[in-house]
Amino acid sequence: MYKPQNKNKKRNEVKQCYFCTNDIEVFDFKDVALLKNFLTHQYKIASRSRTGNCSKHQRQVANAIKRSRIAALLPFTQHQR
């Protein structure tokens, strides 16, 4: 049986952790520009498969985003009603 080749090559690509590749050991919850890279357009925390973070750094990113939300540096939701 003929199996067509996967035309979407990005599925096979494994993303590397941003923090491991750039040797960033400590990052702060006040660095909003960095943390916005790990949010979706609805300001949800993006998954590991989407961002490519390792589990250690994904936990640190999630905690930093939660802290910056409480400190009112990042919004909880997209729209304010």
Protein backbone atom coordinates (compact mmCIF):
# COMPACT_ATOMS: atom_id res chain seq x y z
CA MET A 1 0.00 0.00 0.00
CA TYR A 2 1.32 3.42 -0.96
CA LYS A 3 1.83 5.81 1.92
CA PRO A 4 2.18 9.47 0.94
CA GLN A 5 5.07 11.43 2.37
CA ASN A 6 4.39 13.83 5.18
CA LYS A 7 4.24 17.25 3.53
CA ASN A 8 4.33 19.07 6.85
CA LYS A 9 8.01 18.80 7.78
CA LYS A 10 7.57 20.86 10.97
CA ARG A 11 5.86 17.96 12.70
CA ASN A 12 9.04 15.95 12.59
CA GLU A 13 11.15 18.83 13.85
CA VAL A 14 12.01 18.70 17.54
CA LYS A 15 12.17 22.13 19.14
CA GLN A 16 14.99 22.90 21.50
CA CYS A 17 14.48 24.52 24.87
CA TYR A 18 15.04 28.28 24.59
CA PHE A 19 16.66 28.52 28.02
CA CYS A 20 18.96 25.52 27.59
CA THR A 21 20.23 26.63 24.17
CA ASN A 22 20.90 30.23 25.30
CA ASP A 23 22.37 29.19 28.69
CA ILE A 24 19.82 31.23 30.66
CA GLU A 25 19.80 29.83 34.18
CA VAL A 26 17.79 32.45 36.05
CA PHE A 27 14.99 34.60 34.70
CA ASP A 28 12.70 36.92 36.58
CA PHE A 29 8.94 37.34 36.59
CA LYS A 30 9.48 41.06 35.89
CA ASP A 31 10.88 40.31 32.42
CA VAL A 32 7.54 40.64 30.65
CA ALA A 33 8.99 40.76 27.13
CA LEU A 34 10.52 37.31 27.58
CA LEU A 35 7.43 35.81 29.20
CA LYS A 36 5.11 37.03 26.43
CA ASN A 37 6.86 34.61 24.07
CA PHE A 38 5.41 31.73 26.08
CA LEU A 39 1.79 32.91 26.03
CA THR A 40 -0.89 32.24 23.42
CA HIS A 41 -2.89 35.02 21.79
CA GLN A 42 -5.51 34.51 24.52
CA TYR A 43 -2.82 34.94 27.22
CA LYS A 44 -2.89 31.28 28.21
CA ILE A 45 0.37 29.56 29.09
CA ALA A 46 1.58 27.76 25.97
CA SER A 47 2.25 24.03 26.18
CA ARG A 48 5.66 22.39 26.08
CA SER A 49 5.00 20.93 22.65
CA ARG A 50 4.31 24.38 21.26
CA THR A 51 7.19 26.24 22.92
CA GLY A 52 9.76 23.43 22.98
CA ASN A 53 10.77 24.01 26.59
CA CYS A 54 12.13 21.20 28.72
CA SER A 55 10.04 20.23 31.74
CA LYS A 56 12.27 22.05 34.22
CA HIS A 57 12.08 25.36 32.39
CA GLN A 58 8.40 24.95 31.51
CA ARG A 59 7.60 24.76 35.25
CA GLN A 60 9.73 27.85 35.91
CA VAL A 61 8.06 29.75 33.06
CA ALA A 62 4.60 28.83 34.34
CA ASN A 63 5.43 29.99 37.86
CA ALA A 64 6.96 33.24 36.57
CA ILE A 65 3.87 33.96 34.43
CA LYS A 66 1.59 33.29 37.40
CA ARG A 67 3.64 35.62 39.60
CA SER A 68 3.65 38.38 37.01
CA ARG A 69 -0.12 38.06 36.62
CA ILE A 70 -0.57 38.53 40.36
CA ALA A 71 1.79 41.52 40.28
CA ALA A 72 -0.37 42.97 37.43
CA LEU A 73 2.46 42.91 34.89
CA LEU A 74 0.60 40.49 32.60
CA PRO A 75 -3.16 40.23 32.09
CA PHE A 76 -5.13 37.16 33.13
CA THR A 77 -7.38 37.32 30.05
CA GLN A 78 -7.41 38.93 26.66
CA HIS A 79 -10.45 41.18 27.10
CA GLN A 80 -11.52 43.33 29.99
CA ARG A 81 -15.29 43.65 30.27
